[in-house]
Amino acid sequence: MTDPVAPVVLASCVEHSLHQSLPGFDQPAARLYGVTVVDPQAAERNVDGALRITFLAEHADVYELLDSPAGAAVRAFDAAVVLTSGWAAPVDEGAPETPPSLHPGRRRVRLVVVVCDGGVGSVLRFADAPDDVVADSGSAHGSLADAVHALWSPAGG
């Protein structure tokens, strides 16, 4: 990569591109892509062609996908992208924990996570508000965040 591009900028550009080509918010499997930065300044503006996005693999289980041989291949690129969709739900403080898919306030979501030498960034979009994009500059935590960090780490974990 010529000029470093912030992970959240890469995530926004990739998500913008994938949003134009994906059929909704019900992907049957998590997908892994490798990204090559073609034009860093154009990536800041979500310009088509700013990134070369290469599909590597998909799997019904995102963690098995990240542990697959395709997961090891991502270091040949400037960044790795994980795309997944599912249910998100509000956290009800003090209430029994309910799986998001069963929560009455659930919302369908598509998540794009980018990891590169600069760290992790993510973008999500909800099916009921597809024009609103929520970006995160790497503050997410949990098992998926840990697995994505491990994907990019030199020792693989």
Protein backbone atom coordinates (compact mmCIF):
# COMPACT_ATOMS: atom_id res chain seq x y z
CA MET A 1 0.00 0.00 0.00
CA THR A 2 1.53 3.32 -1.06
CA ASP A 3 -0.10 5.67 1.48
CA PRO A 4 -1.71 4.19 4.57
CA VAL A 5 -5.48 4.44 4.57
CA ALA A 6 -7.34 4.36 7.87
CA PRO A 7 -9.09 1.02 8.43
CA VAL A 8 -12.49 2.68 8.87
CA VAL A 9 -11.99 4.49 5.52
CA LEU A 10 -11.23 1.15 3.87
CA ALA A 11 -14.28 -0.39 5.56
CA SER A 12 -16.49 2.45 4.33
CA CYS A 13 -15.21 2.19 0.77
CA VAL A 14 -15.54 -1.61 0.68
CA GLU A 15 -19.01 -1.52 2.23
CA HIS A 16 -20.11 1.14 -0.26
CA SER A 17 -18.95 -1.04 -3.14
CA LEU A 18 -20.47 -4.25 -1.76
CA HIS A 19 -23.75 -2.50 -0.90
CA GLN A 20 -24.20 -1.74 -4.59
CA SER A 21 -23.76 -5.39 -5.58
CA LEU A 22 -25.20 -7.45 -2.72
CA PRO A 23 -28.79 -8.68 -2.83
CA GLY A 24 -30.00 -7.48 0.57
CA PHE A 25 -29.08 -8.33 4.12
CA ASP A 26 -29.46 -12.12 4.21
CA GLN A 27 -26.10 -13.48 3.09
CA PRO A 28 -26.19 -17.26 3.73
CA ALA A 29 -22.49 -17.32 4.62
CA ALA A 30 -19.75 -15.06 5.90
CA ARG A 31 -17.36 -13.95 3.19
CA LEU A 32 -13.65 -13.16 3.21
CA TYR A 33 -12.07 -10.72 0.77
CA GLY A 34 -8.57 -9.40 0.18
CA VAL A 35 -8.21 -5.71 -0.66
CA THR A 36 -5.53 -3.94 -2.66
CA VAL A 37 -5.50 -0.15 -2.44
CA VAL A 38 -5.29 1.35 -5.94
CA ASP A 39 -5.89 5.02 -5.10
CA PRO A 40 -5.82 6.09 -1.42
CA GLN A 41 -7.32 9.53 -2.06
CA ALA A 42 -10.19 8.05 -4.07
CA ALA A 43 -10.83 5.53 -1.28
CA GLU A 44 -11.50 8.47 1.06
CA ARG A 45 -14.35 9.48 -1.28
CA ASN A 46 -15.74 5.94 -1.93
CA VAL A 47 -14.85 6.23 -5.61
CA ASP A 48 -15.38 3.07 -7.67
CA GLY A 49 -12.04 1.58 -8.63
CA ALA A 50 -10.19 3.01 -5.62
CA LEU A 51 -9.81 -0.52 -4.27
CA ARG A 52 -9.42 -3.92 -5.88
CA ILE A 53 -11.63 -6.26 -3.86
CA THR A 54 -10.88 -9.96 -4.33
CA PHE A 55 -13.31 -12.62 -3.10
CA LEU A 56 -11.37 -15.38 -1.32
CA ALA A 57 -13.86 -17.71 0.37
CA GLU A 58 -17.13 -18.06 2.23
CA HIS A 59 -18.35 -20.28 5.03
CA ALA A 60 -21.51 -20.56 7.12
CA ASP A 61 -19.38 -20.15 10.26
CA VAL A 62 -17.36 -16.92 10.32
CA TYR A 63 -14.81 -18.35 12.78
CA GLU A 64 -14.13 -21.40 10.61
CA LEU A 65 -13.77 -19.06 7.65
CA LEU A 66 -11.13 -17.04 9.47
CA ASP A 67 -9.28 -20.23 10.45
CA SER A 68 -9.36 -21.60 6.89
CA PRO A 69 -6.45 -21.57 4.40
CA ALA A 70 -8.08 -18.51 2.80
CA GLY A 71 -7.66 -16.75 6.14
CA ALA A 72 -3.92 -17.34 5.94
CA ALA A 73 -3.84 -15.92 2.39
CA VAL A 74 -5.09 -12.46 3.35
CA ARG A 75 -1.60 -11.22 4.23
CA ALA A 76 -0.86 -11.12 0.49
CA PHE A 77 -3.19 -8.09 0.33
CA ASP A 78 -3.16 -4.58 1.82
CA ALA A 79 -6.16 -5.48 4.00
CA ALA A 80 -8.59 -8.28 4.77
CA VAL A 81 -12.37 -7.87 4.82
CA VAL A 82 -14.93 -9.97 6.61
CA LEU A 83 -18.55 -9.58 5.52
CA THR A 84 -21.32 -11.09 7.57
CA SER A 85 -25.01 -10.52 8.17
CA GLY A 86 -27.32 -11.47 10.97
CA TRP A 87 -29.51 -10.11 13.72
CA ALA A 88 -28.65 -7.31 16.12
CA ALA A 89 -30.67 -6.40 19.18
CA PRO A 90 -30.53 -3.77 21.88
CA VAL A 91 -28.94 -4.73 25.16
CA ASP A 92 -31.59 -4.77 27.88
CA GLU A 93 -29.81 -3.92 31.13
CA GLY A 94 -31.06 -6.12 33.95
CA ALA A 95 -33.17 -8.30 31.65
CA PRO A 96 -32.39 -11.94 30.94
CA GLU A 97 -30.05 -12.29 27.97
CA THR A 98 -32.03 -13.02 24.81
CA PRO A 99 -30.39 -14.16 21.57
CA PRO A 100 -30.62 -11.32 19.03
CA SER A 101 -32.61 -13.49 16.62
CA LEU A 102 -35.36 -13.89 19.26
CA HIS A 103 -35.37 -10.36 20.67
CA PRO A 104 -38.55 -8.36 19.94
CA GLY A 105 -36.39 -5.33 19.01
CA ARG A 106 -34.16 -7.25 16.60
CA ARG A 107 -32.92 -5.68 13.39
CA ARG A 108 -31.30 -7.30 10.37
CA VAL A 109 -27.73 -6.06 9.95
CA ARG A 110 -24.85 -6.43 7.52
CA LEU A 111 -21.35 -5.92 8.90
CA VAL A 112 -18.10 -5.22 7.05
CA VAL A 113 -14.91 -5.47 9.11
CA VAL A 114 -11.51 -4.48 7.72
CA VAL A 115 -8.18 -5.35 9.29
CA CYS A 116 -4.81 -4.12 8.07
CA ASP A 117 -1.49 -2.91 9.42
CA GLY A 118 -3.28 0.23 10.65
CA GLY A 119 -5.74 -1.72 12.80
CA VAL A 120 -9.41 -2.57 12.51
CA GLY A 121 -12.40 -0.59 11.26
CA SER A 122 -15.97 -1.61 10.63
CA VAL A 123 -19.14 -0.40 9.01
CA LEU A 124 -22.64 -1.71 9.45
CA ARG A 125 -25.94 -1.06 7.80
CA PHE A 126 -29.41 -2.08 8.96
CA ALA A 127 -32.02 -3.46 6.56
CA ASP A 128 -34.71 -1.15 7.97
CA ALA A 129 -32.53 1.96 7.42
CA PRO A 130 -30.30 1.06 4.45
CA ASP A 131 -29.24 4.66 3.78
CA ASP A 132 -27.76 5.05 7.26
CA VAL A 133 -24.21 3.76 7.71
CA VAL A 134 -22.67 3.27 11.14
CA ALA A 135 -18.87 3.33 11.23
CA ASP A 136 -16.53 2.24 14.02
CA SER A 137 -12.83 3.10 14.13
CA GLY A 138 -11.77 -0.01 16.00
CA SER A 139 -13.49 0.25 19.37
CA ALA A 140 -15.55 -2.92 18.87
CA HIS A 141 -14.77 -5.83 21.16
CA GLY A 142 -15.86 -9.42 21.56
CA SER A 143 -15.14 -12.77 19.97
CA LEU A 144 -15.38 -11.58 16.34
CA ALA A 145 -13.13 -8.59 17.02
CA ASP A 146 -10.59 -10.91 18.66
CA ALA A 147 -10.74 -13.34 15.72
CA VAL A 148 -10.24 -10.54 13.18
CA HIS A 149 -7.25 -9.17 15.10
CA ALA A 150 -5.78 -12.69 15.22
CA LEU A 151 -6.32 -13.07 11.46
CA TRP A 152 -3.92 -10.20 10.76
CA SER A 153 -1.38 -10.79 13.51
CA PRO A 154 1.98 -12.09 12.29
CA ALA A 155 1.78 -15.26 14.39
CA GLY A 156 -1.86 -15.86 13.45
CA GLY A 157 -3.07 -15.26 16.99
